[in-house]
């Protein structure tokens, strides 16, 4: 669907701002998965694999469409929280399906960053410092 089709289908051209977010996300997801399938088939028909880079291009296109719809709708634009929900529901789910190794790497990096952040906070609380330390913590190498 085009951006204008989403605006019309979900009544985003009306000021009230009430629309079915679940249906909106389902339609975005359906379109995204269709684009993945089309790209995958096209790549494989020319003896190429569907690469993670191809997936990232499709993600960028979906992000652009989401924000284009947001900018064209009446009233307040979509929130960053709504974008995060769309990302988790649509993009992460597809990445888990088509690129589980990449998803695992991303998840492990996120966990590592959370552990480092928690350790920094713990050290700052124990030492009574209210500002972050300059440079790297020696224990960051442990993770």
C-alpha atoms as a PDB file:
ATOM      1  CA  UNK A   1       0.000   0.000   0.000  1.00  0.00           C
ATOM      2  CA  UNK A   2       1.020   3.553  -0.562  1.00  0.00           C
ATOM      3  CA  UNK A   3       1.295   6.016   2.290  1.00  0.00           C
ATOM      4  CA  UNK A   4      -1.962   7.661   1.202  1.00  0.00           C
ATOM      5  CA  UNK A   5      -3.691   4.261   1.265  1.00  0.00           C
ATOM      6  CA  UNK A   6      -2.742   3.800   4.925  1.00  0.00           C
ATOM      7  CA  UNK A   7      -3.987   7.317   5.689  1.00  0.00           C
ATOM      8  CA  UNK A   8      -7.374   6.578   4.104  1.00  0.00           C
ATOM      9  CA  UNK A   9      -7.794   3.012   5.361  1.00  0.00           C
ATOM     10  CA  UNK A  10      -7.108   3.916   8.989  1.00  0.00           C
ATOM     11  CA  UNK A  11      -8.841   7.320   8.923  1.00  0.00           C
ATOM     12  CA  UNK A  12      -5.608   9.091   9.743  1.00  0.00           C
ATOM     13  CA  UNK A  13      -6.854  12.101   7.806  1.00  0.00           C
ATOM     14  CA  UNK A  14      -9.253  12.813  10.681  1.00  0.00           C
ATOM     15  CA  UNK A  15      -8.316  14.880  13.678  1.00  0.00           C
ATOM     16  CA  UNK A  16      -9.586  12.502  16.409  1.00  0.00           C
ATOM     17  CA  UNK A  17      -6.515  10.270  16.165  1.00  0.00           C
ATOM     18  CA  UNK A  18      -8.375   7.096  17.150  1.00  0.00           C
ATOM     19  CA  UNK A  19      -7.481   4.210  14.914  1.00  0.00           C
ATOM     20  CA  UNK A  20      -6.907   0.497  15.262  1.00  0.00           C
ATOM     21  CA  UNK A  21      -3.177   0.290  15.953  1.00  0.00           C
ATOM     22  CA  UNK A  22      -3.171  -3.515  15.950  1.00  0.00           C
ATOM     23  CA  UNK A  23      -4.686  -3.663  12.461  1.00  0.00           C
ATOM     24  CA  UNK A  24      -2.304  -0.955  11.302  1.00  0.00           C
ATOM     25  CA  UNK A  25       0.688  -2.981  12.530  1.00  0.00           C
ATOM     26  CA  UNK A  26      -0.726  -6.160  10.974  1.00  0.00           C
ATOM     27  CA  UNK A  27      -0.961  -4.430   7.605  1.00  0.00           C
ATOM     28  CA  UNK A  28       2.580  -3.071   7.909  1.00  0.00           C
ATOM     29  CA  UNK A  29       3.811  -6.525   8.864  1.00  0.00           C
ATOM     30  CA  UNK A  30       1.973  -8.162   5.960  1.00  0.00           C
ATOM     31  CA  UNK A  31       3.470  -5.674   3.510  1.00  0.00           C
ATOM     32  CA  UNK A  32       6.941  -6.104   5.003  1.00  0.00           C
ATOM     33  CA  UNK A  33       6.786  -9.912   4.814  1.00  0.00           C
ATOM     34  CA  UNK A  34       5.536  -9.722   1.223  1.00  0.00           C
ATOM     35  CA  UNK A  35       8.472  -7.451   0.319  1.00  0.00           C
ATOM     36  CA  UNK A  36      10.845  -9.935   1.958  1.00  0.00           C
ATOM     37  CA  UNK A  37       9.367 -12.815  -0.049  1.00  0.00           C
ATOM     38  CA  UNK A  38       9.514 -10.881  -3.331  1.00  0.00           C
ATOM     39  CA  UNK A  39      13.114  -9.844  -2.694  1.00  0.00           C
ATOM     40  CA  UNK A  40      14.083 -13.345  -1.579  1.00  0.00           C
ATOM     41  CA  UNK A  41      12.572 -14.945  -4.680  1.00  0.00           C
ATOM     42  CA  UNK A  42      14.143 -12.347  -6.968  1.00  0.00           C
ATOM     43  CA  UNK A  43      17.582 -12.833  -5.405  1.00  0.00           C
ATOM     44  CA  UNK A  44      17.361 -16.612  -5.525  1.00  0.00           C
ATOM     45  CA  UNK A  45      16.146 -16.628  -9.143  1.00  0.00           C
ATOM     46  CA  UNK A  46      19.374 -14.894 -10.144  1.00  0.00           C
ATOM     47  CA  UNK A  47      21.550 -17.332  -8.142  1.00  0.00           C
ATOM     48  CA  UNK A  48      22.061 -14.903  -5.258  1.00  0.00           C
ATOM     49  CA  UNK A  49      21.183 -15.412  -1.626  1.00  0.00           C
ATOM     50  CA  UNK A  50      18.887 -13.201   0.404  1.00  0.00           C
ATOM     51  CA  UNK A  51      21.489 -11.435   2.512  1.00  0.00           C
ATOM     52  CA  UNK A  52      21.197  -9.581   5.783  1.00  0.00           C
ATOM     53  CA  UNK A  53      22.109  -6.412   3.887  1.00  0.00           C
ATOM     54  CA  UNK A  54      19.021  -6.914   1.689  1.00  0.00           C
ATOM     55  CA  UNK A  55      16.934  -7.287   4.834  1.00  0.00           C
ATOM     56  CA  UNK A  56      18.371  -4.050   6.252  1.00  0.00           C
ATOM     57  CA  UNK A  57      17.383  -2.190   3.082  1.00  0.00           C
ATOM     58  CA  UNK A  58      13.808  -3.447   3.466  1.00  0.00           C
ATOM     59  CA  UNK A  59      13.845  -2.403   7.132  1.00  0.00           C
ATOM     60  CA  UNK A  60      14.920   1.109   6.129  1.00  0.00           C
ATOM     61  CA  UNK A  61      12.105   1.271   3.572  1.00  0.00           C
ATOM     62  CA  UNK A  62       9.583   0.231   6.229  1.00  0.00           C
ATOM     63  CA  UNK A  63      10.921   2.787   8.697  1.00  0.00           C
ATOM     64  CA  UNK A  64      10.660   5.499   6.054  1.00  0.00           C
ATOM     65  CA  UNK A  65       7.080   4.481   5.267  1.00  0.00           C
ATOM     66  CA  UNK A  66       6.125   4.457   8.960  1.00  0.00           C
ATOM     67  CA  UNK A  67       7.444   7.987   9.499  1.00  0.00           C
ATOM     68  CA  UNK A  68       5.979   9.204   6.191  1.00  0.00           C
ATOM     69  CA  UNK A  69       2.545   8.030   7.330  1.00  0.00           C
ATOM     70  CA  UNK A  70       3.170   9.695  10.691  1.00  0.00           C
ATOM     71  CA  UNK A  71       4.084  12.999   9.031  1.00  0.00           C
ATOM     72  CA  UNK A  72       1.081  12.962   6.685  1.00  0.00           C
ATOM     73  CA  UNK A  73      -1.571  12.073   9.266  1.00  0.00           C
ATOM     74  CA  UNK A  74      -3.635  14.759  10.939  1.00  0.00           C
ATOM     75  CA  UNK A  75      -2.949  15.600  14.546  1.00  0.00           C
ATOM     76  CA  UNK A  76       0.099  14.584  16.506  1.00  0.00           C
ATOM     77  CA  UNK A  77       2.669  12.375  14.793  1.00  0.00           C
ATOM     78  CA  UNK A  78       3.206   8.807  15.955  1.00  0.00           C
ATOM     79  CA  UNK A  79       5.239   8.494  19.147  1.00  0.00           C
ATOM     80  CA  UNK A  80       8.673   6.957  19.427  1.00  0.00           C
ATOM     81  CA  UNK A  81       7.075   4.317  21.669  1.00  0.00           C
ATOM     82  CA  UNK A  82       4.680   3.354  18.872  1.00  0.00           C
ATOM     83  CA  UNK A  83       7.648   3.088  16.503  1.00  0.00           C
ATOM     84  CA  UNK A  84       9.456   0.875  19.040  1.00  0.00           C
ATOM     85  CA  UNK A  85       6.384  -1.350  19.279  1.00  0.00           C
ATOM     86  CA  UNK A  86       6.229  -1.599  15.481  1.00  0.00           C
ATOM     87  CA  UNK A  87       9.927  -2.425  15.363  1.00  0.00           C
ATOM     88  CA  UNK A  88       9.583  -5.185  17.964  1.00  0.00           C
ATOM     89  CA  UNK A  89       6.412  -6.661  16.495  1.00  0.00           C
ATOM     90  CA  UNK A  90       7.301  -6.468  12.823  1.00  0.00           C
ATOM     91  CA  UNK A  91      11.041  -6.173  12.259  1.00  0.00           C
ATOM     92  CA  UNK A  92      12.508  -8.167  15.145  1.00  0.00           C
ATOM     93  CA  UNK A  93      10.059 -11.003  14.534  1.00  0.00           C
ATOM     94  CA  UNK A  94      11.076 -11.171  10.856  1.00  0.00           C
ATOM     95  CA  UNK A  95      14.767 -10.943  11.735  1.00  0.00           C
ATOM     96  CA  UNK A  96      14.361 -13.870  14.150  1.00  0.00           C
ATOM     97  CA  UNK A  97      12.804 -15.920  11.346  1.00  0.00           C
ATOM     98  CA  UNK A  98      15.155 -15.078   8.468  1.00  0.00           C
ATOM     99  CA  UNK A  99      18.400 -14.239  10.289  1.00  0.00           C
ATOM    100  CA  UNK A 100      18.448 -16.024  13.660  1.00  0.00           C
ATOM    101  CA  UNK A 101      22.250 -15.747  13.959  1.00  0.00           C
ATOM    102  CA  UNK A 102      22.126 -11.973  13.534  1.00  0.00           C
ATOM    103  CA  UNK A 103      19.278 -11.727  16.030  1.00  0.00           C
ATOM    104  CA  UNK A 104      21.256 -13.788  18.547  1.00  0.00           C
ATOM    105  CA  UNK A 105      24.312 -11.557  18.062  1.00  0.00           C
ATOM    106  CA  UNK A 106      22.200  -8.432  18.563  1.00  0.00           C
ATOM    107  CA  UNK A 107      20.563  -9.909  21.666  1.00  0.00           C
ATOM    108  CA  UNK A 108      23.937 -10.886  23.167  1.00  0.00           C
ATOM    109  CA  UNK A 109      25.345  -7.398  22.503  1.00  0.00           C
ATOM    110  CA  UNK A 110      22.304  -5.819  24.157  1.00  0.00           C
ATOM    111  CA  UNK A 111      22.719  -8.074  27.212  1.00  0.00           C
ATOM    112  CA  UNK A 112      26.424  -7.242  27.389  1.00  0.00           C
ATOM    113  CA  UNK A 113      25.693  -3.489  27.279  1.00  0.00           C
ATOM    114  CA  UNK A 114      23.054  -3.848  29.992  1.00  0.00           C
ATOM    115  CA  UNK A 115      25.495  -5.754  32.204  1.00  0.00           C
ATOM    116  CA  UNK A 116      28.193  -3.110  31.712  1.00  0.00           C
ATOM    117  CA  UNK A 117      25.725  -0.324  32.464  1.00  0.00           C
ATOM    118  CA  UNK A 118      24.564  -2.090  35.638  1.00  0.00           C
ATOM    119  CA  UNK A 119      28.168  -2.676  36.746  1.00  0.00           C
ATOM    120  CA  UNK A 120      29.061   0.988  36.153  1.00  0.00           C
ATOM    121  CA  UNK A 121      26.028   2.068  38.158  1.00  0.00           C
ATOM    122  CA  UNK A 122      26.985  -0.318  40.969  1.00  0.00           C
ATOM    123  CA  UNK A 123      30.553   1.012  41.087  1.00  0.00           C
ATOM    124  CA  UNK A 124      29.375   4.622  41.020  1.00  0.00           C
ATOM    125  CA  UNK A 125      26.985   3.939  43.905  1.00  0.00           C
ATOM    126  CA  UNK A 126      29.652   2.097  45.917  1.00  0.00           C
ATOM    127  CA  UNK A 127      32.258   4.804  45.433  1.00  0.00           C
ATOM    128  CA  UNK A 128      29.862   7.681  45.934  1.00  0.00           C
ATOM    129  CA  UNK A 129      30.598   9.187  42.516  1.00  0.00           C
ATOM    130  CA  UNK A 130      27.682  10.861  40.808  1.00  0.00           C
ATOM    131  CA  UNK A 131      29.284  11.118  37.388  1.00  0.00           C
ATOM    132  CA  UNK A 132      30.331   8.439  34.910  1.00  0.00           C
ATOM    133  CA  UNK A 133      33.969   7.444  34.803  1.00  0.00           C
ATOM    134  CA  UNK A 134      36.121   8.598  31.946  1.00  0.00           C
ATOM    135  CA  UNK A 135      37.498   5.878  29.738  1.00  0.00           C
ATOM    136  CA  UNK A 136      36.819   2.175  29.890  1.00  0.00           C
ATOM    137  CA  UNK A 137      36.209   0.140  32.973  1.00  0.00           C
ATOM    138  CA  UNK A 138      38.726  -2.679  33.391  1.00  0.00           C
ATOM    139  CA  UNK A 139      35.963  -5.269  33.804  1.00  0.00           C
ATOM    140  CA  UNK A 140      34.426  -4.494  30.386  1.00  0.00           C
ATOM    141  CA  UNK A 141      36.931  -6.940  28.936  1.00  0.00           C
ATOM    142  CA  UNK A 142      35.371  -9.719  31.027  1.00  0.00           C
ATOM    143  CA  UNK A 143      32.131  -9.700  29.063  1.00  0.00           C
END
